[in-house]
Amino acid sequence: MNKYLLIVALTLAGCHTKRPIVQDIKQPESTANASIGESRELFDAKVIGVIDGDTVDVLRGQETIRIRLNGIDAPERGQPFGNNAKQFVSDQIFGKTIQVEALDEDRYGRTIADLHFYQKRITLELVEVGLAWHYTQYSDEEALANAQVEAQQAKRGLWADPRHVAPWDWRKLSKVERDRLR
């Protein structure tokens, strides 16, 4: 019981620590990727919307920013496990202040970023529980690759479905083909 109270007290104490609002840092060598810039911008923002498992809206001051999670691709809306991925992200961070590690911008104007909440990286968590794919077309990150292999071996989340289809392949399917897989 005393350990539980200590954990709660430390957690609550962490809520009041101040982190830098904006800071540029060098990109770690282990996650280097040609499509990602040389520096990252860190800022705190409140999650005000969860679009799907890999896209959220955050509020930074008075500005709303659409974030595309870095290095992963979650099931699409209407795709098996799409609602599960969205609900997982919502349960983890909706309405909460998180740290955004902005990396780049995609062709749709979304900020590509890693999201951190209490030392947890949301992208990695999604892959670990089997609710997202490591998006190897845009990421060669070893931690995401390893998390996917572990989730596959344990048949967690979407990996329990023998008919799982990667989102990048799902988007290419006709409506008839999609209906057959639901």
C-alpha atoms as a PDB file:
ATOM      1  CA  MET A   1       0.000   0.000   0.000  1.00  0.00           C
ATOM      2  CA  ASN A   2       2.817   2.436   0.868  1.00  0.00           C
ATOM      3  CA  LYS A   3       4.500   1.740  -2.490  1.00  0.00           C
ATOM      4  CA  TYR A   4       1.246   2.643  -4.253  1.00  0.00           C
ATOM      5  CA  LEU A   5       0.976   5.958  -2.380  1.00  0.00           C
ATOM      6  CA  LEU A   6       4.601   6.751  -3.195  1.00  0.00           C
ATOM      7  CA  ILE A   7       3.982   6.102  -6.906  1.00  0.00           C
ATOM      8  CA  VAL A   8       0.865   8.294  -6.869  1.00  0.00           C
ATOM      9  CA  ALA A   9       2.721  11.072  -5.049  1.00  0.00           C
ATOM     10  CA  LEU A  10       5.652  10.953  -7.481  1.00  0.00           C
ATOM     11  CA  THR A  11       3.273  10.936 -10.437  1.00  0.00           C
ATOM     12  CA  LEU A  12       1.371  13.936  -9.118  1.00  0.00           C
ATOM     13  CA  ALA A  13       4.603  15.751  -8.347  1.00  0.00           C
ATOM     14  CA  GLY A  14       5.671  15.172 -11.967  1.00  0.00           C
ATOM     15  CA  CYS A  15       2.508  16.911 -13.164  1.00  0.00           C
ATOM     16  CA  HIS A  16       3.756  20.206 -11.821  1.00  0.00           C
ATOM     17  CA  THR A  17       7.241  20.158 -13.290  1.00  0.00           C
ATOM     18  CA  LYS A  18       7.886  22.678 -15.998  1.00  0.00           C
ATOM     19  CA  ARG A  19       9.327  21.490 -19.290  1.00  0.00           C
ATOM     20  CA  PRO A  20      10.739  23.839 -21.898  1.00  0.00           C
ATOM     21  CA  ILE A  21       8.005  24.987 -24.256  1.00  0.00           C
ATOM     22  CA  VAL A  22      10.174  24.994 -27.382  1.00  0.00           C
ATOM     23  CA  GLN A  23      13.605  23.539 -27.768  1.00  0.00           C
ATOM     24  CA  ASP A  24      15.732  22.386 -30.695  1.00  0.00           C
ATOM     25  CA  ILE A  25      17.743  19.221 -30.168  1.00  0.00           C
ATOM     26  CA  LYS A  26      19.941  17.116 -32.420  1.00  0.00           C
ATOM     27  CA  GLN A  27      18.364  13.990 -33.844  1.00  0.00           C
ATOM     28  CA  PRO A  28      19.745  10.831 -32.195  1.00  0.00           C
ATOM     29  CA  GLU A  29      21.847   8.724 -34.566  1.00  0.00           C
ATOM     30  CA  SER A  30      19.810   5.579 -33.806  1.00  0.00           C
ATOM     31  CA  THR A  31      16.665   7.067 -35.348  1.00  0.00           C
ATOM     32  CA  ALA A  32      18.308   8.869 -38.245  1.00  0.00           C
ATOM     33  CA  ASN A  33      16.171   8.871 -41.368  1.00  0.00           C
ATOM     34  CA  ALA A  34      16.755  10.701 -44.629  1.00  0.00           C
ATOM     35  CA  SER A  35      13.199  12.073 -44.652  1.00  0.00           C
ATOM     36  CA  ILE A  36      13.545  13.698 -41.230  1.00  0.00           C
ATOM     37  CA  GLY A  37      15.234  17.032 -40.618  1.00  0.00           C
ATOM     38  CA  GLU A  38      18.364  17.610 -38.567  1.00  0.00           C
ATOM     39  CA  SER A  39      16.629  19.086 -35.524  1.00  0.00           C
ATOM     40  CA  ARG A  40      13.445  18.458 -33.653  1.00  0.00           C
ATOM     41  CA  GLU A  41      11.127  20.939 -32.035  1.00  0.00           C
ATOM     42  CA  LEU A  42       9.760  20.046 -28.614  1.00  0.00           C
ATOM     43  CA  PHE A  43       6.635  21.669 -27.247  1.00  0.00           C
ATOM     44  CA  ASP A  44       3.764  20.939 -24.893  1.00  0.00           C
ATOM     45  CA  ALA A  45       0.242  20.804 -26.287  1.00  0.00           C
ATOM     46  CA  LYS A  46      -3.199  19.574 -25.251  1.00  0.00           C
ATOM     47  CA  VAL A  47      -4.779  16.765 -27.283  1.00  0.00           C
ATOM     48  CA  ILE A  48      -8.173  18.061 -28.412  1.00  0.00           C
ATOM     49  CA  GLY A  49      -9.071  15.452 -31.024  1.00  0.00           C
ATOM     50  CA  VAL A  50      -8.241  11.885 -32.019  1.00  0.00           C
ATOM     51  CA  ILE A  51      -8.904  11.478 -35.728  1.00  0.00           C
ATOM     52  CA  ASP A  52      -7.760   7.862 -35.951  1.00  0.00           C
ATOM     53  CA  GLY A  53      -4.999   5.643 -34.583  1.00  0.00           C
ATOM     54  CA  ASP A  54      -2.192   7.657 -36.133  1.00  0.00           C
ATOM     55  CA  THR A  55      -3.580  11.204 -36.381  1.00  0.00           C
ATOM     56  CA  VAL A  56      -4.498  13.636 -33.596  1.00  0.00           C
ATOM     57  CA  ASP A  57      -5.243  17.328 -33.218  1.00  0.00           C
ATOM     58  CA  VAL A  58      -3.448  19.290 -30.515  1.00  0.00           C
ATOM     59  CA  LEU A  59      -3.816  22.798 -29.174  1.00  0.00           C
ATOM     60  CA  ARG A  60      -0.617  24.803 -28.783  1.00  0.00           C
ATOM     61  CA  GLY A  61      -1.558  28.151 -27.332  1.00  0.00           C
ATOM     62  CA  GLN A  62      -4.354  29.311 -29.654  1.00  0.00           C
ATOM     63  CA  GLU A  63      -3.163  27.223 -32.631  1.00  0.00           C
ATOM     64  CA  THR A  64      -4.629  23.836 -33.585  1.00  0.00           C
ATOM     65  CA  ILE A  65      -2.058  21.513 -35.106  1.00  0.00           C
ATOM     66  CA  ARG A  66      -2.849  18.235 -36.865  1.00  0.00           C
ATOM     67  CA  ILE A  67      -0.249  15.609 -35.947  1.00  0.00           C
ATOM     68  CA  ARG A  68       0.588  12.465 -37.927  1.00  0.00           C
ATOM     69  CA  LEU A  69       2.365   9.971 -35.686  1.00  0.00           C
ATOM     70  CA  ASN A  70       5.907   9.247 -36.810  1.00  0.00           C
ATOM     71  CA  GLY A  71       7.014   5.834 -38.054  1.00  0.00           C
ATOM     72  CA  ILE A  72       3.709   3.964 -37.881  1.00  0.00           C
ATOM     73  CA  ASP A  73       0.556   3.332 -39.865  1.00  0.00           C
ATOM     74  CA  ALA A  74      -2.570   2.378 -37.938  1.00  0.00           C
ATOM     75  CA  PRO A  75      -5.616   0.625 -39.410  1.00  0.00           C
ATOM     76  CA  GLU A  76      -7.954   2.925 -41.337  1.00  0.00           C
ATOM     77  CA  ARG A  77     -11.491   3.835 -40.275  1.00  0.00           C
ATOM     78  CA  GLY A  78     -13.706   0.924 -41.264  1.00  0.00           C
ATOM     79  CA  GLN A  79     -10.742  -1.452 -41.336  1.00  0.00           C
ATOM     80  CA  PRO A  80     -10.571  -4.216 -38.706  1.00  0.00           C
ATOM     81  CA  PHE A  81      -8.867  -2.846 -35.574  1.00  0.00           C
ATOM     82  CA  GLY A  82      -9.252   0.765 -36.800  1.00  0.00           C
ATOM     83  CA  ASN A  83     -11.655   1.633 -33.986  1.00  0.00           C
ATOM     84  CA  ASN A  84      -9.452  -0.204 -31.474  1.00  0.00           C
ATOM     85  CA  ALA A  85      -6.417   1.862 -32.465  1.00  0.00           C
ATOM     86  CA  LYS A  86      -8.366   5.120 -32.261  1.00  0.00           C
ATOM     87  CA  GLN A  87      -9.811   4.165 -28.854  1.00  0.00           C
ATOM     88  CA  PHE A  88      -6.365   3.206 -27.543  1.00  0.00           C
ATOM     89  CA  VAL A  89      -4.905   6.588 -28.500  1.00  0.00           C
ATOM     90  CA  SER A  90      -7.948   8.362 -27.055  1.00  0.00           C
ATOM     91  CA  ASP A  91      -7.692   6.451 -23.762  1.00  0.00           C
ATOM     92  CA  GLN A  92      -3.994   7.264 -23.502  1.00  0.00           C
ATOM     93  CA  ILE A  93      -3.872  10.969 -24.332  1.00  0.00           C
ATOM     94  CA  PHE A  94      -7.197  12.638 -25.198  1.00  0.00           C
ATOM     95  CA  GLY A  95      -7.703  15.807 -23.147  1.00  0.00           C
ATOM     96  CA  LYS A  96      -4.205  15.569 -21.711  1.00  0.00           C
ATOM     97  CA  THR A  97      -1.165  17.790 -22.094  1.00  0.00           C
ATOM     98  CA  ILE A  98       1.571  15.893 -23.882  1.00  0.00           C
ATOM     99  CA  GLN A  99       5.020  16.648 -25.205  1.00  0.00           C
ATOM    100  CA  VAL A 100       5.184  16.844 -28.997  1.00  0.00           C
ATOM    101  CA  GLU A 101       8.478  16.106 -30.703  1.00  0.00           C
ATOM    102  CA  ALA A 102       7.890  17.641 -34.136  1.00  0.00           C
ATOM    103  CA  LEU A 103      10.069  16.200 -36.880  1.00  0.00           C
ATOM    104  CA  ASP A 104       8.766  17.246 -40.259  1.00  0.00           C
ATOM    105  CA  GLU A 105       5.649  18.048 -42.266  1.00  0.00           C
ATOM    106  CA  ASP A 106       3.897  15.650 -44.653  1.00  0.00           C
ATOM    107  CA  ARG A 107       2.410  16.410 -48.061  1.00  0.00           C
ATOM    108  CA  TYR A 108      -0.986  17.127 -46.444  1.00  0.00           C
ATOM    109  CA  GLY A 109       0.437  19.798 -44.143  1.00  0.00           C
ATOM    110  CA  ARG A 110       0.305  17.622 -41.024  1.00  0.00           C
ATOM    111  CA  THR A 111       3.145  17.799 -38.531  1.00  0.00           C
ATOM    112  CA  ILE A 112       4.946  14.455 -38.311  1.00  0.00           C
ATOM    113  CA  ALA A 113       5.805  13.907 -34.671  1.00  0.00           C
ATOM    114  CA  ASP A 114       6.436  11.577 -31.790  1.00  0.00           C
ATOM    115  CA  LEU A 115       4.106  12.105 -28.840  1.00  0.00           C
ATOM    116  CA  HIS A 116       5.250  11.559 -25.273  1.00  0.00           C
ATOM    117  CA  PHE A 117       3.119  11.251 -22.173  1.00  0.00           C
ATOM    118  CA  TYR A 118       4.671  10.358 -18.786  1.00  0.00           C
ATOM    119  CA  GLN A 119       7.808   9.004 -20.449  1.00  0.00           C
ATOM    120  CA  LYS A 120       5.726   6.789 -22.752  1.00  0.00           C
ATOM    121  CA  ARG A 121       6.024   7.167 -26.507  1.00  0.00           C
ATOM    122  CA  ILE A 122       2.567   6.678 -27.997  1.00  0.00           C
ATOM    123  CA  THR A 123       3.809   5.388 -31.380  1.00  0.00           C
ATOM    124  CA  LEU A 124       5.849   2.652 -29.740  1.00  0.00           C
ATOM    125  CA  GLU A 125       2.949   1.738 -27.441  1.00  0.00           C
ATOM    126  CA  LEU A 126       0.606   1.309 -30.431  1.00  0.00           C
ATOM    127  CA  VAL A 127       3.007  -1.093 -32.136  1.00  0.00           C
ATOM    128  CA  GLU A 128       3.686  -3.003 -28.906  1.00  0.00           C
ATOM    129  CA  VAL A 129      -0.020  -3.715 -28.324  1.00  0.00           C
ATOM    130  CA  GLY A 130      -0.533  -4.720 -31.957  1.00  0.00           C
ATOM    131  CA  LEU A 131      -2.629  -1.755 -33.077  1.00  0.00           C
ATOM    132  CA  ALA A 132      -0.260  -0.296 -35.673  1.00  0.00           C
ATOM    133  CA  TRP A 133       2.343  -1.343 -38.197  1.00  0.00           C
ATOM    134  CA  HIS A 134       5.897  -0.084 -38.232  1.00  0.00           C
ATOM    135  CA  TYR A 135       5.775   2.002 -41.431  1.00  0.00           C
ATOM    136  CA  THR A 136       9.065   0.871 -42.947  1.00  0.00           C
ATOM    137  CA  GLN A 137       8.587   3.004 -46.070  1.00  0.00           C
ATOM    138  CA  TYR A 138       9.207   6.058 -43.855  1.00  0.00           C
ATOM    139  CA  SER A 139      11.052   4.651 -40.847  1.00  0.00           C
ATOM    140  CA  ASP A 140      13.980   2.334 -40.243  1.00  0.00           C
ATOM    141  CA  GLU A 141      13.778   2.660 -36.468  1.00  0.00           C
ATOM    142  CA  GLU A 142      14.922  -0.487 -34.715  1.00  0.00           C
ATOM    143  CA  ALA A 143      12.694  -0.041 -31.636  1.00  0.00           C
ATOM    144  CA  LEU A 144       9.544   0.011 -33.779  1.00  0.00           C
ATOM    145  CA  ALA A 145      10.745  -2.964 -35.856  1.00  0.00           C
ATOM    146  CA  ASN A 146      11.475  -4.991 -32.712  1.00  0.00           C
ATOM    147  CA  ALA A 147       8.137  -4.056 -31.131  1.00  0.00           C
ATOM    148  CA  GLN A 148       6.300  -5.239 -34.236  1.00  0.00           C
ATOM    149  CA  VAL A 149       8.138  -8.576 -34.287  1.00  0.00           C
ATOM    150  CA  GLU A 150       7.272  -9.124 -30.610  1.00  0.00           C
ATOM    151  CA  ALA A 151       3.607  -8.217 -31.163  1.00  0.00           C
ATOM    152  CA  GLN A 152       3.435 -10.550 -34.185  1.00  0.00           C
ATOM    153  CA  GLN A 153       4.992 -13.440 -32.273  1.00  0.00           C
ATOM    154  CA  ALA A 154       2.614 -12.903 -29.341  1.00  0.00           C
ATOM    155  CA  LYS A 155      -0.348 -12.490 -31.760  1.00  0.00           C
ATOM    156  CA  ARG A 156      -1.361  -9.253 -30.039  1.00  0.00           C
ATOM    157  CA  GLY A 157      -4.091  -7.043 -31.457  1.00  0.00           C
ATOM    158  CA  LEU A 158      -4.344  -7.128 -35.233  1.00  0.00           C
ATOM    159  CA  TRP A 159      -1.722  -9.885 -35.400  1.00  0.00           C
ATOM    160  CA  ALA A 160      -4.301 -12.285 -33.937  1.00  0.00           C
ATOM    161  CA  ASP A 161      -6.312 -11.907 -37.161  1.00  0.00           C
ATOM    162  CA  PRO A 162      -4.889 -14.174 -39.880  1.00  0.00           C
ATOM    163  CA  ARG A 163      -6.474 -11.871 -42.504  1.00  0.00           C
ATOM    164  CA  HIS A 164      -4.766  -8.666 -41.334  1.00  0.00           C
ATOM    165  CA  VAL A 165      -4.057  -6.209 -44.122  1.00  0.00           C
ATOM    166  CA  ALA A 166      -1.590  -3.363 -43.832  1.00  0.00           C
ATOM    167  CA  PRO A 167      -3.243   0.083 -44.154  1.00  0.00           C
ATOM    168  CA  TRP A 168      -1.157   0.991 -47.217  1.00  0.00           C
ATOM    169  CA  ASP A 169      -2.574  -2.125 -48.927  1.00  0.00           C
ATOM    170  CA  TRP A 170      -6.096  -1.539 -47.542  1.00  0.00           C
ATOM    171  CA  ARG A 171      -6.211   1.893 -49.163  1.00  0.00           C
ATOM    172  CA  LYS A 172      -5.630   0.259 -52.573  1.00  0.00           C
ATOM    173  CA  LEU A 173      -8.509  -2.243 -52.216  1.00  0.00           C
ATOM    174  CA  SER A 174     -11.891  -1.811 -53.861  1.00  0.00           C
ATOM    175  CA  LYS A 175     -15.007  -1.444 -51.706  1.00  0.00           C
ATOM    176  CA  VAL A 176     -15.990  -5.040 -52.538  1.00  0.00           C
ATOM    177  CA  GLU A 177     -12.572  -6.341 -51.426  1.00  0.00           C
ATOM    178  CA  ARG A 178     -12.710  -4.284 -48.227  1.00  0.00           C
ATOM    179  CA  ASP A 179     -16.219  -5.554 -47.412  1.00  0.00           C
ATOM    180  CA  ARG A 180     -14.986  -9.106 -47.774  1.00  0.00           C
ATOM    181  CA  LEU A 181     -12.258  -8.503 -45.176  1.00  0.00           C
ATOM    182  CA  ARG A 182     -14.413  -6.769 -42.541  1.00  0.00           C
END
